[in-house]
Amino acid sequence: MKKVGLVMRKIQFAEAQGPRVFAERLRDIGRELGVDVVFISPERHVSGHDWLPGYEHEKGDLVNYDVVLDQIHAHQIEHVIYTVSGFTFLKMFLPNSVLFPHSFPDPALTGYEMMKPFYGIVDKAIVQTEFLRRQLNDVFGVSDVDVIPIGFNESLAERHFDPTAVVDNRVLWIGRDEENRRPDLVLEYARQNPDKDVVMVFGGERYKESMKKYDIPFNVTLQFALSQDEVFALMNSAKVYWSCSKFDTFAMPLTEALAMGKIVVKPEHPCYGHISSRHAFAGNEKNWFELVNMAAASPQKYSADNREYAFSKFSATVMKQGYERFFGEWLK
């Protein structure tokens, strides 16, 4: 069985959010395609938090190269997918190295200036959206880019879909307590709309502590580190799914929300251009609250169009087909 190393940060493997879900999905697809995806992460100079100085960021990753290379060599791996731009130098040792970015040098993101130099070294990448493929080409001159979605779990989307369980005034938001994700906006919306049942889901347990700095309105429920099963069950119960981030690389909950037939309110930023079905409405800080209220007031409990669009564009089946083509060419 051919081996492929998947290099991510320790914290990305540890938490029940996008990167970990992607890793497990890729490993499962690999097994089906006869590829052994081996998880690799630095065990040194890392912390349980994202933002401690000197830890977990691109410059901090550089001090972990020997740790990562030791693991790669121990498994006799020649092909590597890395998700953190700080590991771009792996291609000095392993020519068959591919970036799958979990972040991107966009001015809206923390670490923008730090990431940029590493992207100048990238020569091959996999991204989730056409927007990111264009950015890699236009901004960094990377033309060898495959677009493969992180497919949602179709069996969960089928099993949990039940329009009779939709709560008409429930608005769901999934994100992190980070400035880019704008949890403050969601709390303010809830404050101004006491008739709404607002549910906020955070990927890691660590956000229990950081959310204590906010005054949480009575109509907001906070949830932390839910399993995929729990996310889909909760998603089914919501009438509206709202994303108000400044920028997103993955936007996984948005594709899952489409798959569950949610009426979606999203940002106008072009990185969300692939979320473009009939009942997906783009807005900004000036009109989001109004858009969310209009979506909640819709006579439709769910959108069959959104669901059909998601299954055709973002399902696990589409992801598997993408990696079947990619591995077939790359691992020759």
Foldseek 3Di string as FASTA:
>chain_A
DAEEEEEEEPLLCVWQDDSVLLLVLVCVLCVVLVYHYHYFYFPPQADNDCDDPLHPALVVCVVRVVVRVVVCVVVPHQAYEYAHLSCLCCCVVRVRYEYEHQDALDPLDPCNVVNVVSLLSHAAYEAADPVVQVCSCPPNNHNHYHHFASADEVVLLVVQQDLVLADLQEEEEEEAPDVQQPPVLVQVLCVVPVVHQYEYEYTAPVRVVVCVVDDHDPNYHYHYRDHSNVLSNVLNHYQEYETAGPAGRRCVVLLSNLLSQHQYEYAPDCNCVLQDWPRHHHDHSVCRSVSSVVSSPDPDSGHPRSNVSSVVRRHSVRNSVRVSVVCVPSVD
